[in-house]
Amino acid sequence: MDKKLLEKYKSLFGKDAPIPPEHMIETLIKMKEDGTLGDKLKVIEDNYDEIKQEIEDVSGEKMSPNHPFFDIDLRKKGKKK
C-alpha cells in the first residue's frame, strides 16, 4: 500500500481508523477533501437495510468488514483487483 496515501488517510480519519483496501482509501480521501463524504454517508445510512440485504442476497454471504464485496475495485468497472 502507498505509504503517503495511508498517512493522508490516517490524518483525515484518525490513526486508529480501520484500514480498508487501497482503492477505498483513495475514494474516501477524495470525498473527505471535496466535502461530499457526509452527504454520501447519509444516503447509505438512509438505505442501509436495503443495500445490505441486496448484497447478501446476491452474494449468498452475510455482510461483514471482510465481505468480498469490499474487494471490488469500482475504479476498474466492477472487476475484482
PDB file of N, CA and C in Angstrom:
ATOM      1  N   MET A   1       0.853  -1.177   0.000  1.00  0.00           N
ATOM      2  CA  MET A   1       0.000   0.000   0.000  1.00  0.00           C
ATOM      3  C   MET A   1       0.895   1.235   0.000  1.00  0.00           C
ATOM      4  N   ASP A   2       0.461   2.248  -0.719  1.00  0.00           N
ATOM      5  CA  ASP A   2       1.190   3.510  -0.809  1.00  0.00           C
ATOM      6  C   ASP A   2       1.265   4.174   0.576  1.00  0.00           C
ATOM      7  N   LYS A   3       2.487   4.393   1.056  1.00  0.00           N
ATOM      8  CA  LYS A   3       2.702   4.931   2.399  1.00  0.00           C
ATOM      9  C   LYS A   3       2.130   6.348   2.559  1.00  0.00           C
ATOM     10  N   LYS A   4       2.327   7.202   1.565  1.00  0.00           N
ATOM     11  CA  LYS A   4       1.813   8.568   1.640  1.00  0.00           C
ATOM     12  C   LYS A   4       0.283   8.582   1.672  1.00  0.00           C
ATOM     13  N   LEU A   5      -0.320   7.727   0.881  1.00  0.00           N
ATOM     14  CA  LEU A   5      -1.776   7.622   0.847  1.00  0.00           C
ATOM     15  C   LEU A   5      -2.300   7.188   2.216  1.00  0.00           C
ATOM     16  N   LEU A   6      -1.648   6.200   2.809  1.00  0.00           N
ATOM     17  CA  LEU A   6      -2.060   5.716   4.120  1.00  0.00           C
ATOM     18  C   LEU A   6      -1.898   6.805   5.190  1.00  0.00           C
ATOM     19  N   GLU A   7      -0.818   7.549   5.133  1.00  0.00           N
ATOM     20  CA  GLU A   7      -0.598   8.644   6.079  1.00  0.00           C
ATOM     21  C   GLU A   7      -1.688   9.715   5.940  1.00  0.00           C
ATOM     22  N   LYS A   8      -2.036  10.039   4.702  1.00  0.00           N
ATOM     23  CA  LYS A   8      -3.082  11.034   4.464  1.00  0.00           C
ATOM     24  C   LYS A   8      -4.420  10.537   5.004  1.00  0.00           C
ATOM     25  N   TYR A   9      -4.715   9.269   4.752  1.00  0.00           N
ATOM     26  CA  TYR A   9      -5.951   8.664   5.243  1.00  0.00           C
ATOM     27  C   TYR A   9      -6.018   8.772   6.771  1.00  0.00           C
ATOM     28  N   LYS A  10      -4.938   8.388   7.434  1.00  0.00           N
ATOM     29  CA  LYS A  10      -4.900   8.430   8.899  1.00  0.00           C
ATOM     30  C   LYS A  10      -5.018   9.853   9.424  1.00  0.00           C
ATOM     31  N   SER A  11      -4.462  10.810   8.696  1.00  0.00           N
ATOM     32  CA  SER A  11      -4.570  12.196   9.150  1.00  0.00           C
ATOM     33  C   SER A  11      -6.002  12.714   9.030  1.00  0.00           C
ATOM     34  N   LEU A  12      -6.750  12.211   8.068  1.00  0.00           N
ATOM     35  CA  LEU A  12      -8.137  12.641   7.872  1.00  0.00           C
ATOM     36  C   LEU A  12      -9.142  11.843   8.708  1.00  0.00           C
ATOM     37  N   PHE A  13      -8.866  10.566   8.935  1.00  0.00           N
ATOM     38  CA  PHE A  13      -9.839   9.694   9.579  1.00  0.00           C
ATOM     39  C   PHE A  13      -9.404   9.188  10.958  1.00  0.00           C
ATOM     40  N   GLY A  14      -8.192   9.509  11.353  1.00  0.00           N
ATOM     41  CA  GLY A  14      -7.692   9.109  12.666  1.00  0.00           C
ATOM     42  C   GLY A  14      -6.724   7.954  12.577  1.00  0.00           C
ATOM     43  N   LYS A  15      -5.761   7.965  13.473  1.00  0.00           N
ATOM     44  CA  LYS A  15      -4.707   6.938  13.416  1.00  0.00           C
ATOM     45  C   LYS A  15      -5.237   5.535  13.711  1.00  0.00           C
ATOM     46  N   ASP A  16      -6.367   5.441  14.400  1.00  0.00           N
ATOM     47  CA  ASP A  16      -6.938   4.140  14.734  1.00  0.00           C
ATOM     48  C   ASP A  16      -8.093   3.724  13.822  1.00  0.00           C
ATOM     49  N   ALA A  17      -8.316   4.485  12.771  1.00  0.00           N
ATOM     50  CA  ALA A  17      -9.398   4.157  11.836  1.00  0.00           C
ATOM     51  C   ALA A  17      -9.107   2.814  11.159  1.00  0.00           C
ATOM     52  N   PRO A  18     -10.158   2.028  10.911  1.00  0.00           N
ATOM     53  CA  PRO A  18      -9.952   0.764  10.185  1.00  0.00           C
ATOM     54  C   PRO A  18      -9.334   1.046   8.822  1.00  0.00           C
ATOM     55  N   ILE A  19      -8.475   0.153   8.377  1.00  0.00           N
ATOM     56  CA  ILE A  19      -7.782   0.332   7.099  1.00  0.00           C
ATOM     57  C   ILE A  19      -8.471  -0.512   6.033  1.00  0.00           C
ATOM     58  N   PRO A  20      -9.215   0.159   5.144  1.00  0.00           N
ATOM     59  CA  PRO A  20      -9.859  -0.578   4.037  1.00  0.00           C
ATOM     60  C   PRO A  20      -8.862  -0.794   2.895  1.00  0.00           C
ATOM     61  N   PRO A  21      -9.281  -1.485   1.849  1.00  0.00           N
ATOM     62  CA  PRO A  21      -8.414  -1.649   0.681  1.00  0.00           C
ATOM     63  C   PRO A  21      -8.020  -0.285   0.095  1.00  0.00           C
ATOM     64  N   GLU A  22      -6.887  -0.255  -0.576  1.00  0.00           N
ATOM     65  CA  GLU A  22      -6.332   0.992  -1.111  1.00  0.00           C
ATOM     66  C   GLU A  22      -7.312   1.751  -2.001  1.00  0.00           C
ATOM     67  N   HIS A  23      -8.047   1.043  -2.850  1.00  0.00           N
ATOM     68  CA  HIS A  23      -8.984   1.730  -3.736  1.00  0.00           C
ATOM     69  C   HIS A  23     -10.062   2.460  -2.941  1.00  0.00           C
ATOM     70  N   MET A  24     -10.442   1.902  -1.800  1.00  0.00           N
ATOM     71  CA  MET A  24     -11.442   2.562  -0.959  1.00  0.00           C
ATOM     72  C   MET A  24     -10.826   3.760  -0.222  1.00  0.00           C
ATOM     73  N   ILE A  25      -9.584   3.616   0.188  1.00  0.00           N
ATOM     74  CA  ILE A  25      -8.893   4.736   0.843  1.00  0.00           C
ATOM     75  C   ILE A  25      -8.849   5.939  -0.088  1.00  0.00           C
ATOM     76  N   GLU A  26      -8.490   5.697  -1.345  1.00  0.00           N
ATOM     77  CA  GLU A  26      -8.435   6.796  -2.323  1.00  0.00           C
ATOM     78  C   GLU A  26      -9.786   7.493  -2.447  1.00  0.00           C
ATOM     79  N   THR A  27     -10.843   6.709  -2.519  1.00  0.00           N
ATOM     80  CA  THR A  27     -12.183   7.269  -2.670  1.00  0.00           C
ATOM     81  C   THR A  27     -12.598   8.034  -1.419  1.00  0.00           C
ATOM     82  N   LEU A  28     -12.333   7.475  -0.253  1.00  0.00           N
ATOM     83  CA  LEU A  28     -12.687   8.154   0.997  1.00  0.00           C
ATOM     84  C   LEU A  28     -11.955   9.487   1.145  1.00  0.00           C
ATOM     85  N   ILE A  29     -10.677   9.504   0.803  1.00  0.00           N
ATOM     86  CA  ILE A  29      -9.899  10.748   0.866  1.00  0.00           C
ATOM     87  C   ILE A  29     -10.492  11.784  -0.084  1.00  0.00           C
ATOM     88  N   LYS A  30     -10.794  11.366  -1.294  1.00  0.00           N
ATOM     89  CA  LYS A  30     -11.360  12.291  -2.280  1.00  0.00           C
ATOM     90  C   LYS A  30     -12.674  12.891  -1.774  1.00  0.00           C
ATOM     91  N   MET A  31     -13.550  12.038  -1.253  1.00  0.00           N
ATOM     92  CA  MET A  31     -14.841  12.537  -0.759  1.00  0.00           C
ATOM     93  C   MET A  31     -14.665  13.440   0.457  1.00  0.00           C
ATOM     94  N   LYS A  32     -13.732  13.105   1.332  1.00  0.00           N
ATOM     95  CA  LYS A  32     -13.482  13.937   2.507  1.00  0.00           C
ATOM     96  C   LYS A  32     -12.965  15.314   2.063  1.00  0.00           C
ATOM     97  N   GLU A  33     -12.049  15.331   1.112  1.00  0.00           N
ATOM     98  CA  GLU A  33     -11.455  16.591   0.653  1.00  0.00           C
ATOM     99  C   GLU A  33     -12.429  17.445  -0.144  1.00  0.00           C
ATOM    100  N   ASP A  34     -13.311  16.818  -0.917  1.00  0.00           N
ATOM    101  CA  ASP A  34     -14.242  17.637  -1.715  1.00  0.00           C
ATOM    102  C   ASP A  34     -15.550  17.925  -0.973  1.00  0.00           C
ATOM    103  N   GLY A  35     -15.637  17.451   0.269  1.00  0.00           N
ATOM    104  CA  GLY A  35     -16.781  17.782   1.111  1.00  0.00           C
ATOM    105  C   GLY A  35     -18.042  16.984   0.858  1.00  0.00           C
ATOM    106  N   THR A  36     -17.944  15.881   0.112  1.00  0.00           N
ATOM    107  CA  THR A  36     -19.144  15.107  -0.221  1.00  0.00           C
ATOM    108  C   THR A  36     -19.336  13.870   0.653  1.00  0.00           C
ATOM    109  N   LEU A  37     -18.379  13.562   1.506  1.00  0.00           N
ATOM    110  CA  LEU A  37     -18.449  12.334   2.292  1.00  0.00           C
ATOM    111  C   LEU A  37     -19.706  12.280   3.157  1.00  0.00           C
ATOM    112  N   GLY A  38     -20.001  13.333   3.879  1.00  0.00           N
ATOM    113  CA  GLY A  38     -21.175  13.347   4.756  1.00  0.00           C
ATOM    114  C   GLY A  38     -22.472  13.086   4.013  1.00  0.00           C
ATOM    115  N   ASP A  39     -22.637  13.736   2.870  1.00  0.00           N
ATOM    116  CA  ASP A  39     -23.858  13.541   2.082  1.00  0.00           C
ATOM    117  C   ASP A  39     -23.974  12.103   1.573  1.00  0.00           C
ATOM    118  N   LYS A  40     -22.865  11.549   1.137  1.00  0.00           N
ATOM    119  CA  LYS A  40     -22.893  10.181   0.606  1.00  0.00           C
ATOM    120  C   LYS A  40     -23.128   9.164   1.710  1.00  0.00           C
ATOM    121  N   LEU A  41     -22.549   9.404   2.880  1.00  0.00           N
ATOM    122  CA  LEU A  41     -22.801   8.513   4.006  1.00  0.00           C
ATOM    123  C   LEU A  41     -24.261   8.574   4.441  1.00  0.00           C
ATOM    124  N   LYS A  42     -24.856   9.737   4.350  1.00  0.00           N
ATOM    125  CA  LYS A  42     -26.272   9.904   4.704  1.00  0.00           C
ATOM    126  C   LYS A  42     -27.160   9.077   3.770  1.00  0.00           C
ATOM    127  N   VAL A  43     -26.846   9.095   2.472  1.00  0.00           N
ATOM    128  CA  VAL A  43     -27.613   8.304   1.504  1.00  0.00           C
ATOM    129  C   VAL A  43     -27.497   6.816   1.837  1.00  0.00           C
ATOM    130  N   ILE A  44     -26.283   6.378   2.162  1.00  0.00           N
ATOM    131  CA  ILE A  44     -26.086   4.968   2.518  1.00  0.00           C
ATOM    132  C   ILE A  44     -26.838   4.647   3.805  1.00  0.00           C
ATOM    133  N   GLU A  45     -26.720   5.529   4.793  1.00  0.00           N
ATOM    134  CA  GLU A  45     -27.411   5.315   6.061  1.00  0.00           C
ATOM    135  C   GLU A  45     -28.924   5.187   5.862  1.00  0.00           C
ATOM    136  N   ASP A  46     -29.481   6.062   5.052  1.00  0.00           N
ATOM    137  CA  ASP A  46     -30.924   6.063   4.809  1.00  0.00           C
ATOM    138  C   ASP A  46     -31.400   4.808   4.079  1.00  0.00           C
ATOM    139  N   ASN A  47     -30.497   4.152   3.368  1.00  0.00           N
ATOM    140  CA  ASN A  47     -30.859   2.985   2.559  1.00  0.00           C
ATOM    141  C   ASN A  47     -30.106   1.723   2.975  1.00  0.00           C
ATOM    142  N   TYR A  48     -29.498   1.751   4.142  1.00  0.00           N
ATOM    143  CA  TYR A  48     -28.600   0.676   4.563  1.00  0.00           C
ATOM    144  C   TYR A  48     -29.253  -0.707   4.543  1.00  0.00           C
ATOM    145  N   ASP A  49     -30.428  -0.818   5.123  1.00  0.00           N
ATOM    146  CA  ASP A  49     -31.068  -2.142   5.200  1.00  0.00           C
ATOM    147  C   ASP A  49     -31.283  -2.746   3.820  1.00  0.00           C
ATOM    148  N   GLU A  50     -31.734  -1.926   2.885  1.00  0.00           N
ATOM    149  CA  GLU A  50     -31.974  -2.423   1.524  1.00  0.00           C
ATOM    150  C   GLU A  50     -30.671  -2.779   0.821  1.00  0.00           C
ATOM    151  N   ILE A  51     -29.651  -1.927   0.985  1.00  0.00           N
ATOM    152  CA  ILE A  51     -28.347  -2.179   0.353  1.00  0.00           C
ATOM    153  C   ILE A  51     -27.751  -3.473   0.903  1.00  0.00           C
ATOM    154  N   LYS A  52     -27.748  -3.584   2.218  1.00  0.00           N
ATOM    155  CA  LYS A  52     -27.193  -4.772   2.886  1.00  0.00           C
ATOM    156  C   LYS A  52     -27.916  -6.030   2.424  1.00  0.00           C
ATOM    157  N   GLN A  53     -29.232  -5.999   2.400  1.00  0.00           N
ATOM    158  CA  GLN A  53     -29.999  -7.173   2.007  1.00  0.00           C
ATOM    159  C   GLN A  53     -29.712  -7.576   0.568  1.00  0.00           C
ATOM    160  N   GLU A  54     -29.633  -6.592  -0.314  1.00  0.00           N
ATOM    161  CA  GLU A  54     -29.354  -6.910  -1.720  1.00  0.00           C
ATOM    162  C   GLU A  54     -27.977  -7.541  -1.889  1.00  0.00           C
ATOM    163  N   ILE A  55     -26.978  -6.990  -1.205  1.00  0.00           N
ATOM    164  CA  ILE A  55     -25.627  -7.559  -1.300  1.00  0.00           C
ATOM    165  C   ILE A  55     -25.615  -8.986  -0.759  1.00  0.00           C
ATOM    166  N   GLU A  56     -26.284  -9.207   0.365  1.00  0.00           N
ATOM    167  CA  GLU A  56     -26.335 -10.550   0.937  1.00  0.00           C
ATOM    168  C   GLU A  56     -27.095 -11.513   0.034  1.00  0.00           C
ATOM    169  N   ASP A  57     -28.177 -11.055  -0.571  1.00  0.00           N
ATOM    170  CA  ASP A  57     -28.953 -11.912  -1.477  1.00  0.00           C
ATOM    171  C   ASP A  57     -28.128 -12.319  -2.696  1.00  0.00           C
ATOM    172  N   VAL A  58     -27.430 -11.360  -3.260  1.00  0.00           N
ATOM    173  CA  VAL A  58     -26.647 -11.625  -4.471  1.00  0.00           C
ATOM    174  C   VAL A  58     -25.440 -12.509  -4.169  1.00  0.00           C
ATOM    175  N   SER A  59     -24.770 -12.229  -3.052  1.00  0.00           N
ATOM    176  CA  SER A  59     -23.535 -12.954  -2.740  1.00  0.00           C
ATOM    177  C   SER A  59     -23.775 -14.257  -1.986  1.00  0.00           C
ATOM    178  N   GLY A  60     -24.930 -14.351  -1.327  1.00  0.00           N
ATOM    179  CA  GLY A  60     -25.183 -15.526  -0.503  1.00  0.00           C
ATOM    180  C   GLY A  60     -24.357 -15.538   0.767  1.00  0.00           C
ATOM    181  N   GLU A  61     -23.842 -14.384   1.143  1.00  0.00           N
ATOM    182  CA  GLU A  61     -22.957 -14.274   2.307  1.00  0.00           C
ATOM    183  C   GLU A  61     -23.367 -13.082   3.160  1.00  0.00           C
ATOM    184  N   LYS A  62     -23.338 -13.247   4.484  1.00  0.00           N
ATOM    185  CA  LYS A  62     -23.666 -12.161   5.399  1.00  0.00           C
ATOM    186  C   LYS A  62     -22.629 -11.043   5.274  1.00  0.00           C
ATOM    187  N   MET A  63     -23.097  -9.799   5.401  1.00  0.00           N
ATOM    188  CA  MET A  63     -22.191  -8.653   5.362  1.00  0.00           C
ATOM    189  C   MET A  63     -21.281  -8.668   6.582  1.00  0.00           C
ATOM    190  N   SER A  64     -20.035  -8.296   6.366  1.00  0.00           N
ATOM    191  CA  SER A  64     -19.037  -8.166   7.422  1.00  0.00           C
ATOM    192  C   SER A  64     -17.931  -7.273   6.877  1.00  0.00           C
ATOM    193  N   PRO A  65     -17.050  -6.804   7.727  1.00  0.00           N
ATOM    194  CA  PRO A  65     -15.937  -5.985   7.222  1.00  0.00           C
ATOM    195  C   PRO A  65     -15.044  -6.725   6.222  1.00  0.00           C
ATOM    196  N   ASN A  66     -15.087  -8.056   6.249  1.00  0.00           N
ATOM    197  CA  ASN A  66     -14.255  -8.855   5.337  1.00  0.00           C
ATOM    198  C   ASN A  66     -15.039  -9.410   4.155  1.00  0.00           C
ATOM    199  N   HIS A  67     -16.236  -8.911   3.930  1.00  0.00           N
ATOM    200  CA  HIS A  67     -17.074  -9.399   2.833  1.00  0.00           C
ATOM    201  C   HIS A  67     -16.354  -9.160   1.497  1.00  0.00           C
ATOM    202  N   PRO A  68     -16.432 -10.106   0.569  1.00  0.00           N
ATOM    203  CA  PRO A  68     -15.765  -9.956  -0.727  1.00  0.00           C
ATOM    204  C   PRO A  68     -16.258  -8.752  -1.543  1.00  0.00           C
ATOM    205  N   PHE A  69     -17.414  -8.239  -1.226  1.00  0.00           N
ATOM    206  CA  PHE A  69     -17.924  -7.041  -1.905  1.00  0.00           C
ATOM    207  C   PHE A  69     -16.921  -5.891  -1.815  1.00  0.00           C
ATOM    208  N   PHE A  70     -16.223  -5.799  -0.679  1.00  0.00           N
ATOM    209  CA  PHE A  70     -15.285  -4.698  -0.474  1.00  0.00           C
ATOM    210  C   PHE A  70     -13.995  -4.870  -1.270  1.00  0.00           C
ATOM    211  N   ASP A  71     -13.783  -6.042  -1.857  1.00  0.00           N
ATOM    212  CA  ASP A  71     -12.612  -6.252  -2.705  1.00  0.00           C
ATOM    213  C   ASP A  71     -12.815  -5.715  -4.116  1.00  0.00           C
ATOM    214  N   ILE A  72     -14.056  -5.418  -4.469  1.00  0.00           N
ATOM    215  CA  ILE A  72     -14.352  -4.943  -5.823  1.00  0.00           C
ATOM    216  C   ILE A  72     -13.824  -3.519  -5.976  1.00  0.00           C
ATOM    217  N   ASP A  73     -12.945  -3.341  -6.927  1.00  0.00           N
ATOM    218  CA  ASP A  73     -12.380  -2.022  -7.212  1.00  0.00           C
ATOM    219  C   ASP A  73     -13.255  -1.368  -8.276  1.00  0.00           C
ATOM    220  N   LEU A  74     -14.159  -0.513  -7.833  1.00  0.00           N
ATOM    221  CA  LEU A  74     -15.111   0.093  -8.755  1.00  0.00           C
ATOM    222  C   LEU A  74     -14.452   1.043  -9.751  1.00  0.00           C
ATOM    223  N   ARG A  75     -13.216   1.413  -9.493  1.00  0.00           N
ATOM    224  CA  ARG A  75     -12.484   2.212 -10.484  1.00  0.00           C
ATOM    225  C   ARG A  75     -12.228   1.387 -11.735  1.00  0.00           C
ATOM    226  N   LYS A  76     -12.258   0.074 -11.580  1.00  0.00           N
ATOM    227  CA  LYS A  76     -11.998  -0.843 -12.693  1.00  0.00           C
ATOM    228  C   LYS A  76     -13.291  -1.457 -13.199  1.00  0.00           C
ATOM    229  N   LYS A  77     -14.359  -0.666 -13.178  1.00  0.00           N
ATOM    230  CA  LYS A  77     -15.669  -1.072 -13.710  1.00  0.00           C
ATOM    231  C   LYS A  77     -16.185  -2.346 -13.068  1.00  0.00           C
ATOM    232  N   GLY A  78     -16.027  -2.474 -11.746  1.00  0.00           N
ATOM    233  CA  GLY A  78     -16.609  -3.567 -11.013  1.00  0.00           C
ATOM    234  C   GLY A  78     -15.824  -4.862 -11.033  1.00  0.00           C
ATOM    235  N   LYS A  79     -14.643  -4.883 -11.631  1.00  0.00           N
ATOM    236  CA  LYS A  79     -13.842  -6.107 -11.656  1.00  0.00           C
ATOM    237  C   LYS A  79     -13.045  -6.214 -10.367  1.00  0.00           C
ATOM    238  N   LYS A  80     -12.857  -7.464  -9.908  1.00  0.00           N
ATOM    239  CA  LYS A  80     -12.029  -7.674  -8.710  1.00  0.00           C
ATOM    240  C   LYS A  80     -10.589  -7.321  -9.030  1.00  0.00           C
ATOM    241  N   LYS A  81      -9.917  -6.837  -8.000  1.00  0.00           N
ATOM    242  CA  LYS A  81      -8.499  -6.473  -8.191  1.00  0.00           C
ATOM    243  C   LYS A  81      -7.616  -7.672  -8.289  1.00  0.00           C
TER     244      LYS A  81
END
